[in-house]
Amino acid sequence: MAKIQAIRGMNDILPDQTPVWQYVETTVRKVLAQYGYQEIRMPIVEQTELFKRSIGEVTDIVEKEMYTFDDRNGDSLTLRPEGTAGCVRAAEEHGLLFNQTRRLWYTGPMFRHERPQKGRYRQFHQIGVECFGMAGPDIDAELLMLTSRLWAELGLSGHARLEINSIGTSESRKVYREALVSYLEQYRDQLDEDSKRRLTTNPLRILDSKVQQTRSILEHAPSLSDYLDEESRCHFEQLKALLDSAGVAYTVNPALVRGLDYYGKTVFEWVTESLGAQGTICAGGRYDGLVEQLGGKPTLAVGFAMGLERLILLLETLNLIPDEVNNRADIYVTAMGDKSISTAMSIANTLRNDLPGRVVITHCGGGSFKSQMKKADRSGARYAVILGENEIEHGTAGLKPLRDDQPQQEVAQADLARILAEHV
């Protein structure tokens, strides 16, 4: 019988990989806590209408990438392709937004049916941050300062570059859209196929084209900045002033528009040159109209999302994972012979009590001295505690360093915790 394998693009995260994930997640949690953000957890399945109304029916996500199905009641459901819409739905449904400000964050899997490639999968994991009830630009600046601090914590400060833009209000974008379409219609035959399709569905997305011929045509296209309303222009100037004051470097990218319909005013991306074409590691912006669009009262909002697979790939590519992240154990307690097993388990428990935070593995399953020491070495532990019948009889233990050439020593079992506390 053939073995069943994982679905293409939906990957297992194996035990030797999870310490890196935990390291990144813990670092993000710490930074978010410093800024007063609260965690929210939403289901991975939502009504399909939620994403059609929020993301936009003519976006690539809704048209081509969503995992959508009818349940047994005939309702159309979708595995979430992004987290913002679900967060808005949950916050509005449970009364978290009315006359309140909120700083929320979440993490978990998202799903999009697209061609799997390194750092981008069909089931992928995001950390998202959403803020409600604040007009900005101060909250916009806080989010960018927060992410800048996160890069510093992860050692990425010199490897992530901030790009910002303002896409104005829906009214100013409508005027600009007409000017852009009028310009591009002159070059329709020279546009790539995706851009031809977007010309009638979502022309602003053409600005983000990576096709060189299309990019050449766009060099002389009308600029969105020339069509900004005065409020958006002032908001953007104040944001830049706040970033300058905070020492957060940025580049204004006039072609940055983001791919989801709900964005307005501020949009931003943190990009890296260290991952080739997959250069965006964090992106977001303002979406002041989304809560009302989904049935709530008008609510100001801004947020971002970062892909964990791509962020971890960047850390691994740059060799920025601290050595201690992959050290799975501190102490490995061996037991030679049946009479040693109960003592070994008792000593291991005592060490866990006396050395909180250290990882103590007790050898189970028997085996020769040689095989037990091989497993002790593979565990990554810095010390092996060796217990045989002779040690049991004399109340001692062998203490063997596994990561240097220091000699093994015999110590009293009662002194183990004190001695190990000085070295692990």
Foldseek 3Di string as FASTA:
>chain_A
DDDDDDDFQDDDQDPLRVLLVVVLVVLLVVLCVVVPAAEDDFDQKDQLVLCCLWQHCLFCQNPPWWDWDADPVRTIMTGAQDDPSRVLVVCQVVVNAPVDKHKYKYKDWHATPDDDDQLGGRIFMKIKIKIKFDDDPVVVLVVLVSVCVSCVVLVNNVFKAKEKEFQADPVLVVVLLVQQLVQCVVVLVQDDPVCNVCSPPPNLCLLVDPDVSSVVSCVPGDFSVVSHDPVLVVRVVVSVVSCVVVVNDHHYDRSDDDRGPQAGRMWMFIFGPQPPPPTTFKIWHWRQCNSVSVPGDRMTMIMMMGTPSNVSVSCVSVVSDDPVSSQQAAEEEEEADPVRQVVSVVLQVVLCVLPPPGHYHYDDDHDDPVVSVVVVLVNNYQWYWYDYPVCVVVQWTWICGNPDDDHIDIGHSVCVNVVSVVPD
